[in-house]
Amino acid sequence: MASMRTSANRYAKALFDVALEEQADLAKISRDLDAVAELVTSNQELALAAERVAVPDAARKAVMEQIADRLGVAVQVKKLVLVLTAGRKLALARDLAQAFSERLLAHQGIVRAEVTSAAALPPEKMKALEESLSQVTGKKVELSVSVDPELLGGVVAKIGSTVYDGSVKTQLQRMRQELVQR
């Protein structure tokens, strides 16, 4: 749902701005958001109770406050969890954690690259790919690698909305298209 992602981005931006202003530990906040998101997504009873109208506001708030205290989350995260609980928006936790993480990486000058290869890449090839992508983007690159044998060979790297496709499968498709057009 686009509207949930948009709402999550707004909350993530607000939290990030507050955390920066208060000189809070941004990495801890990111880890805390991940922990809250994991708890909410893995515990369906909790997620349902946090959203149900039948559960009194005070009870929802008390439960989430206790959970935040037990998790030892940063003050900023605890406040946000209580705001989300009051607004019955705890379902945003996963998207919010991801949006905050993306903001943190951007703040640190890091971009994430989703790399798909035909076979598992040895460490030296991953390092070389990371360096090449760093030169192209001008930023430090963090790789997330997966394997897809259908590529036949080569790699496909996606950074944001930009795709660098060096797969054999795509090259064969291009050659086929050129032959058909001639």
Protein backbone atom coordinates (compact mmCIF):
# COMPACT_ATOMS: atom_id res chain seq x y z
CA MET A 1 0.00 0.00 0.00
CA ALA A 2 1.47 3.28 -1.11
CA SER A 3 -0.32 5.31 1.56
CA MET A 4 1.15 3.17 4.36
CA ARG A 5 4.63 3.60 2.92
CA THR A 6 4.06 7.36 2.61
CA SER A 7 2.90 7.56 6.23
CA ALA A 8 5.86 5.46 7.36
CA ASN A 9 8.22 7.80 5.47
CA ARG A 10 6.71 10.83 7.20
CA TYR A 11 7.12 9.28 10.64
CA ALA A 12 10.67 8.17 9.78
CA LYS A 13 11.58 11.69 8.62
CA ALA A 14 10.12 13.25 11.76
CA LEU A 15 11.94 10.77 14.01
CA PHE A 16 15.19 11.24 12.10
CA ASP A 17 14.95 15.04 12.36
CA VAL A 18 14.24 14.88 16.10
CA ALA A 19 17.04 12.37 16.67
CA LEU A 20 19.51 14.56 14.76
CA GLU A 21 18.42 17.64 16.68
CA GLU A 22 18.79 15.81 19.99
CA GLN A 23 22.12 14.28 18.87
CA ALA A 24 20.76 10.82 19.63
CA ASP A 25 22.47 7.58 18.63
CA LEU A 26 20.97 7.10 15.16
CA ALA A 27 22.27 3.53 14.82
CA LYS A 28 20.64 2.53 18.13
CA ILE A 29 17.37 4.10 17.06
CA SER A 30 17.52 2.13 13.82
CA ARG A 31 18.19 -1.12 15.71
CA ASP A 32 15.38 -0.31 18.16
CA LEU A 33 12.92 0.31 15.32
CA ASP A 34 13.94 -3.03 13.79
CA ALA A 35 13.32 -4.76 17.14
CA VAL A 36 9.87 -3.17 17.50
CA ALA A 37 8.99 -4.02 13.90
CA GLU A 38 10.14 -7.63 14.39
CA LEU A 39 8.04 -7.94 17.55
CA VAL A 40 4.94 -6.48 15.92
CA THR A 41 5.22 -8.58 12.75
CA SER A 42 6.07 -11.82 14.55
CA ASN A 43 3.40 -11.49 17.25
CA GLN A 44 0.02 -11.37 15.56
CA GLU A 45 -1.90 -11.15 18.86
CA LEU A 46 0.03 -8.03 19.80
CA ALA A 47 -0.52 -6.47 16.38
CA LEU A 48 -4.25 -7.18 16.53
CA ALA A 49 -4.59 -5.90 20.10
CA ALA A 50 -2.76 -2.71 19.16
CA GLU A 51 -5.23 -2.06 16.32
CA ARG A 52 -8.54 -3.17 17.89
CA VAL A 53 -11.04 -0.50 18.82
CA ALA A 54 -12.43 -2.81 21.53
CA VAL A 55 -9.15 -2.60 23.48
CA PRO A 56 -9.17 0.55 25.64
CA ASP A 57 -6.60 3.21 24.72
CA ALA A 58 -5.08 3.17 28.21
CA ALA A 59 -4.56 -0.61 28.08
CA ARG A 60 -2.94 -0.47 24.63
CA LYS A 61 -0.67 2.34 25.74
CA ALA A 62 0.31 0.54 28.97
CA VAL A 63 1.18 -2.68 27.12
CA MET A 64 3.27 -0.91 24.51
CA GLU A 65 5.00 1.20 27.16
CA GLN A 66 5.97 -1.98 29.03
CA ILE A 67 7.19 -3.60 25.83
CA ALA A 68 9.26 -0.53 24.93
CA ASP A 69 10.78 -0.52 28.42
CA ARG A 70 11.61 -4.26 28.26
CA LEU A 71 13.21 -3.83 24.85
CA GLY A 72 15.23 -0.92 26.24
CA VAL A 73 14.48 1.28 23.24
CA ALA A 74 15.68 4.86 22.93
CA VAL A 75 13.37 7.54 24.36
CA GLN A 76 12.57 8.82 20.87
CA VAL A 77 11.50 5.34 19.73
CA LYS A 78 9.37 4.82 22.84
CA LYS A 79 7.56 8.11 22.22
CA LEU A 80 6.96 7.19 18.59
CA VAL A 81 5.66 3.72 19.53
CA LEU A 82 3.18 5.35 21.88
CA VAL A 83 2.08 7.81 19.18
CA LEU A 84 1.62 4.94 16.71
CA THR A 85 -0.28 2.94 19.34
CA ALA A 86 -2.60 5.86 20.11
CA GLY A 87 -3.33 6.31 16.42
CA ARG A 88 -3.70 2.55 15.83
CA LYS A 89 -0.85 2.72 13.33
CA LEU A 90 1.54 0.17 14.78
CA ALA A 91 1.21 -1.76 11.50
CA LEU A 92 3.55 0.88 10.04
CA ALA A 93 6.43 -0.40 12.17
CA ARG A 94 8.16 -2.50 9.46
CA ASP A 95 7.92 0.18 6.74
CA LEU A 96 8.93 2.86 9.24
CA ALA A 97 12.02 0.89 10.31
CA GLN A 98 13.03 0.43 6.68
CA ALA A 99 12.46 4.11 5.87
CA PHE A 100 14.52 5.18 8.89
CA SER A 101 17.31 2.79 7.92
CA GLU A 102 17.36 4.23 4.39
CA ARG A 103 17.58 7.76 5.81
CA LEU A 104 20.42 6.72 8.08
CA LEU A 105 22.36 5.16 5.21
CA ALA A 106 21.82 8.28 3.06
CA HIS A 107 22.98 10.46 5.97
CA GLN A 108 26.14 8.33 6.21
CA GLY A 109 26.73 8.55 2.44
CA ILE A 110 25.95 4.87 1.90
CA VAL A 111 23.70 3.39 -0.78
CA ARG A 112 22.30 -0.12 -0.90
CA ALA A 113 22.77 -2.16 -4.03
CA GLU A 114 20.66 -5.24 -4.66
CA VAL A 115 22.86 -7.55 -6.71
CA THR A 116 21.64 -10.69 -8.43
CA SER A 117 24.14 -13.07 -10.00
CA ALA A 118 23.85 -16.33 -11.90
CA ALA A 119 26.06 -18.10 -9.32
CA ALA A 120 27.43 -17.30 -5.87
CA LEU A 121 30.12 -14.63 -6.09
CA PRO A 122 33.52 -15.21 -4.46
CA PRO A 123 34.58 -12.55 -1.93
CA GLU A 124 37.14 -10.94 -4.29
CA LYS A 125 34.49 -10.47 -7.02
CA MET A 126 32.05 -8.99 -4.48
CA LYS A 127 34.74 -6.57 -3.34
CA ALA A 128 35.52 -5.57 -6.95
CA LEU A 129 31.81 -5.09 -7.70
CA GLU A 130 31.39 -3.00 -4.55
CA GLU A 131 34.32 -0.79 -5.58
CA SER A 132 33.00 -0.39 -9.15
CA LEU A 133 29.56 0.59 -7.92
CA SER A 134 31.13 2.99 -5.41
CA GLN A 135 32.97 4.73 -8.25
CA VAL A 136 29.78 4.97 -10.33
CA THR A 137 27.66 6.36 -7.47
CA GLY A 138 30.31 8.37 -5.67
CA LYS A 139 29.12 6.81 -2.41
CA LYS A 140 30.00 3.84 -0.25
CA VAL A 141 27.98 0.85 -1.45
CA GLU A 142 26.47 -1.85 0.74
CA LEU A 143 25.68 -5.03 -1.22
CA SER A 144 22.70 -7.31 -0.78
CA VAL A 145 23.41 -10.37 -2.95
CA SER A 146 21.07 -13.06 -4.27
CA VAL A 147 21.47 -15.83 -6.84
CA ASP A 148 19.26 -16.41 -9.90
CA PRO A 149 20.54 -19.18 -12.23
CA GLU A 150 18.18 -17.94 -14.99
CA LEU A 151 20.59 -15.04 -15.61
CA LEU A 152 22.94 -17.63 -17.18
CA GLY A 153 25.96 -15.48 -16.31
CA GLY A 154 26.94 -11.96 -15.23
CA VAL A 155 25.22 -9.78 -12.67
CA VAL A 156 22.35 -7.33 -12.33
CA ALA A 157 22.77 -4.50 -9.80
CA LYS A 158 19.92 -2.27 -8.69
CA ILE A 159 20.59 0.95 -6.79
CA GLY A 160 17.41 2.86 -6.09
CA SER A 161 15.57 3.00 -9.41
CA THR A 162 18.72 2.54 -11.51
CA VAL A 163 19.47 -0.93 -12.86
CA TYR A 164 22.89 -1.97 -14.17
CA ASP A 165 22.25 -5.14 -16.15
CA GLY A 166 25.29 -7.11 -17.22
CA SER A 167 23.57 -10.48 -17.37
CA VAL A 168 24.05 -12.93 -20.22
CA LYS A 169 20.29 -13.41 -20.38
CA THR A 170 19.72 -9.71 -21.16
CA GLN A 171 22.59 -9.65 -23.67
CA LEU A 172 21.05 -12.61 -25.49
CA GLN A 173 17.64 -10.91 -25.48
CA ARG A 174 19.18 -7.76 -26.98
CA MET A 175 20.95 -9.78 -29.68
CA ARG A 176 17.72 -11.59 -30.50
CA GLN A 177 15.84 -8.30 -30.75
CA GLU A 178 18.50 -6.85 -33.07
CA LEU A 179 18.32 -9.92 -35.31
CA VAL A 180 14.53 -9.75 -35.45
CA GLN A 181 14.62 -6.04 -36.34
CA ARG A 182 17.05 -6.62 -39.20
